[in-house]
C-alpha atoms as a PDB file:
ATOM      1  CA  MET A   1       8.875  11.356   5.079  1.00  0.00           C
ATOM      2  CA  ARG A   2      10.075  11.781   1.214  1.00  0.00           C
ATOM      3  CA  PRO A   3       8.627  14.793  -0.749  1.00  0.00           C
ATOM      4  CA  ASP A   4       9.000  12.431  -3.538  1.00  0.00           C
ATOM      5  CA  LEU A   5       6.982   9.320  -2.400  1.00  0.00           C
ATOM      6  CA  PHE A   6       3.633  10.375  -3.311  1.00  0.00           C
ATOM      7  CA  LEU A   7       4.357  12.025  -6.493  1.00  0.00           C
ATOM      8  CA  ASP A   8       3.942  11.654 -10.148  1.00  0.00           C
ATOM      9  CA  GLY A   9       6.774   9.420 -12.075  1.00  0.00           C
ATOM     10  CA  PRO A  10       7.087   6.295 -13.455  1.00  0.00           C
ATOM     11  CA  TYR A  11       5.867   2.855 -11.563  1.00  0.00           C
ATOM     12  CA  PRO A  12       6.429   2.338  -8.608  1.00  0.00           C
ATOM     13  CA  ASN A  13       5.496   6.595  -7.926  1.00  0.00           C
ATOM     14  CA  THR A  14       2.454   6.197 -10.142  1.00  0.00           C
ATOM     15  CA  PRO A  15      -0.328   3.507 -10.300  1.00  0.00           C
ATOM     16  CA  GLY A  16       1.102   0.882 -12.937  1.00  0.00           C
ATOM     17  CA  TRP A  17      -1.157  -1.459 -15.727  1.00  0.00           C
ATOM     18  CA  LYS A  18      -0.996  -3.614 -17.740  1.00  0.00           C
ATOM     19  CA  GLY A  19      -1.614  -3.483 -22.025  1.00  0.00           C
ATOM     20  CA  ALA A  20      -4.658  -3.708 -22.231  1.00  0.00           C
ATOM     21  CA  ASP A  21      -6.840  -0.314 -22.412  1.00  0.00           C
ATOM     22  CA  THR A  22      -8.973  -0.963 -18.974  1.00  0.00           C
ATOM     23  CA  SER A  23      -6.278  -1.621 -17.126  1.00  0.00           C
ATOM     24  CA  LEU A  24      -5.030   1.554 -18.002  1.00  0.00           C
ATOM     25  CA  GLU A  25      -7.701   3.280 -17.283  1.00  0.00           C
ATOM     26  CA  ALA A  26      -7.899   1.958 -13.945  1.00  0.00           C
ATOM     27  CA  ALA A  27      -4.395   3.293 -13.390  1.00  0.00           C
ATOM     28  CA  GLU A  28      -5.009   6.581 -14.451  1.00  0.00           C
ATOM     29  CA  GLY A  29      -8.599   6.389 -12.407  1.00  0.00           C
ATOM     30  CA  ALA A  30      -6.064   5.675  -9.104  1.00  0.00           C
ATOM     31  CA  LYS A  31      -3.720   8.460  -9.345  1.00  0.00           C
ATOM     32  CA  PRO A  32      -5.654  11.059  -7.722  1.00  0.00           C
ATOM     33  CA  ILE A  33      -5.615   8.932  -3.808  1.00  0.00           C
ATOM     34  CA  ALA A  34      -2.819   6.544  -4.791  1.00  0.00           C
ATOM     35  CA  GLY A  35      -0.640   9.264  -2.812  1.00  0.00           C
ATOM     36  CA  TYR A  36      -3.293   9.176  -0.015  1.00  0.00           C
ATOM     37  CA  LEU A  37      -3.308   4.917   0.099  1.00  0.00           C
ATOM     38  CA  ARG A  38      -0.041   4.573  -0.049  1.00  0.00           C
ATOM     39  CA  ARG A  39      -0.129   6.958   3.623  1.00  0.00           C
ATOM     40  CA  ARG A  40      -3.090   5.587   4.786  1.00  0.00           C
ATOM     41  CA  VAL A  41      -1.520   2.115   4.665  1.00  0.00           C
ATOM     42  CA  LEU A  42       1.882   2.866   5.879  1.00  0.00           C
ATOM     43  CA  GLU A  43      -0.149   4.573   8.977  1.00  0.00           C
ATOM     44  CA  VAL A  44      -2.120   1.403   9.615  1.00  0.00           C
ATOM     45  CA  LEU A  45       1.575  -0.896   9.588  1.00  0.00           C
ATOM     46  CA  THR A  46       2.786   1.811  11.288  1.00  0.00           C
ATOM     47  CA  HIS A  47       0.663   1.910  13.997  1.00  0.00           C
ATOM     48  CA  ARG A  48      -1.156  -1.062  14.451  1.00  0.00           C
ATOM     49  CA  GLY A  49       1.624  -3.344  13.569  1.00  0.00           C
ATOM     50  CA  PRO A  50       1.721  -6.125  10.881  1.00  0.00           C
ATOM     51  CA  MET A  51      -1.213  -7.174   8.485  1.00  0.00           C
ATOM     52  CA  SER A  52      -1.727  -8.613   5.443  1.00  0.00           C
ATOM     53  CA  ALA A  53      -3.118  -6.175   3.067  1.00  0.00           C
ATOM     54  CA  ASP A  54      -6.802  -7.127   3.327  1.00  0.00           C
ATOM     55  CA  ALA A  55      -6.389  -6.532   6.955  1.00  0.00           C
ATOM     56  CA  VAL A  56      -5.672  -2.704   5.847  1.00  0.00           C
ATOM     57  CA  ALA A  57      -8.481  -2.594   4.027  1.00  0.00           C
ATOM     58  CA  ARG A  58     -10.784  -3.266   6.475  1.00  0.00           C
ATOM     59  CA  ILE A  59      -8.831  -1.460   9.186  1.00  0.00           C
ATOM     60  CA  LEU A  60      -9.162   1.617   6.670  1.00  0.00           C
ATOM     61  CA  ALA A  61     -13.060   1.252   4.764  1.00  0.00           C
ATOM     62  CA  VAL A  62     -11.964   1.102   1.489  1.00  0.00           C
ATOM     63  CA  ASP A  63     -12.364  -1.254  -0.993  1.00  0.00           C
ATOM     64  CA  ARG A  64      -8.923  -4.790  -0.651  1.00  0.00           C
ATOM     65  CA  LEU A  65      -8.299  -4.020  -4.717  1.00  0.00           C
ATOM     66  CA  SER A  66      -7.814  -0.077  -4.082  1.00  0.00           C
ATOM     67  CA  ILE A  67      -5.670  -1.438  -1.905  1.00  0.00           C
ATOM     68  CA  ARG A  68      -3.584  -3.799  -2.620  1.00  0.00           C
ATOM     69  CA  PRO A  69      -1.976  -2.057  -5.354  1.00  0.00           C
ATOM     70  CA  ARG A  70      -0.550   0.216  -3.037  1.00  0.00           C
ATOM     71  CA  VAL A  71       1.141  -2.825  -0.677  1.00  0.00           C
ATOM     72  CA  SER A  72       2.719  -3.664  -3.778  1.00  0.00           C
ATOM     73  CA  GLU A  73       3.970   0.083  -4.649  1.00  0.00           C
ATOM     74  CA  LEU A  74       5.112   0.757  -1.492  1.00  0.00           C
ATOM     75  CA  ASN A  75       6.879  -3.182  -1.244  1.00  0.00           C
ATOM     76  CA  LYS A  76       8.914  -1.760  -4.143  1.00  0.00           C
ATOM     77  CA  LEU A  77       9.377   1.104  -2.816  1.00  0.00           C
ATOM     78  CA  GLY A  78      11.174   0.089   0.034  1.00  0.00           C
ATOM     79  CA  LEU A  79       8.675   0.604   2.939  1.00  0.00           C
ATOM     80  CA  ILE A  80       7.393  -2.482   3.537  1.00  0.00           C
ATOM     81  CA  TYR A  81       8.326  -5.872   3.323  1.00  0.00           C
ATOM     82  CA  ASP A  82       6.973  -9.335   3.488  1.00  0.00           C
ATOM     83  CA  THR A  83       7.375 -11.133   7.203  1.00  0.00           C
ATOM     84  CA  GLY A  84       7.727 -14.545   6.141  1.00  0.00           C
ATOM     85  CA  TYR A  85       4.002 -14.864   7.954  1.00  0.00           C
ATOM     86  CA  ARG A  86       1.216 -15.591   5.923  1.00  0.00           C
ATOM     87  CA  TRP A  87      -2.776 -15.087   7.045  1.00  0.00           C
ATOM     88  CA  VAL A  88      -5.468 -16.960   5.904  1.00  0.00           C
ATOM     89  CA  ASN A  89      -8.002 -14.099   4.816  1.00  0.00           C
ATOM     90  CA  ASP A  90     -12.419 -13.968   5.053  1.00  0.00           C
ATOM     91  CA  SER A  91     -11.925 -16.216   1.424  1.00  0.00           C
ATOM     92  CA  GLY A  92      -9.550 -18.704   3.239  1.00  0.00           C
ATOM     93  CA  LYS A  93      -6.604 -18.361   1.169  1.00  0.00           C
ATOM     94  CA  ARG A  94      -2.890 -17.577   2.594  1.00  0.00           C
ATOM     95  CA  ALA A  95      -1.580 -13.831   2.658  1.00  0.00           C
ATOM     96  CA  ILE A  96       1.328 -12.187   2.853  1.00  0.00           C
ATOM     97  CA  VAL A  97       1.694 -10.103   6.514  1.00  0.00           C
ATOM     98  CA  TRP A  98       3.234  -6.924   5.298  1.00  0.00           C
ATOM     99  CA  THR A  99       5.388  -4.559   7.618  1.00  0.00           C
ATOM    100  CA  VAL A 100       6.906  -1.165   7.316  1.00  0.00           C
ATOM    101  CA  THR A 101      10.722  -1.069   7.010  1.00  0.00           C
ATOM    102  CA  THR A 102      13.709   0.783   8.980  1.00  0.00           C
ATOM    103  CA  THR A 103      13.588   2.671   6.177  1.00  0.00           C
ATOM    104  CA  ALA A 104       9.864   3.773   6.291  1.00  0.00           C
ATOM    105  CA  LEU A 105      10.659   4.685   9.985  1.00  0.00           C
ATOM    106  CA  ALA A 106      13.261   6.378   9.903  1.00  0.00           C
ATOM    107  CA  GLU A 107      11.392   8.162   7.546  1.00  0.00           C
ATOM    108  CA  GLU A 108       9.795   9.976   9.872  1.00  0.00           C
ATOM    109  CA  ILE A 109       6.031   9.032   8.249  1.00  0.00           C
ATOM    110  CA  GLU A 110       3.321  12.320   9.493  1.00  0.00           C
ATOM    111  CA  VAL A 111       0.386  10.447  11.259  1.00  0.00           C
ATOM    112  CA  ASP A 112      -3.497  11.088  11.142  1.00  0.00           C
ATOM    113  CA  VAL A 113      -5.297   8.491  13.225  1.00  0.00           C
ATOM    114  CA  SER A 114      -8.021  10.398  12.541  1.00  0.00           C
END
């Protein structure tokens, strides 16, 4: 696994924010667990197959608003990608179905499925 994937640095290695002070506060608050959540998202997609961010959140029993940004970061890092398929979420809206890249698989993601 890339040692720098879950360390500090610029976006997407750390949570991003836009303009507002509340956005910055949210990004700062997410830093302590962002790496852990990214790793868990990769584990779910690797072992359960392609799915939406909301489906990953449901499996992990984590609020989808904590998972969606981690999915965006993983996409920017080139570790997951849009399959082109769409699922309908609980909200009735269409959602991207994500899957891991061959790069992510080659990085030998350490998995803890407990």
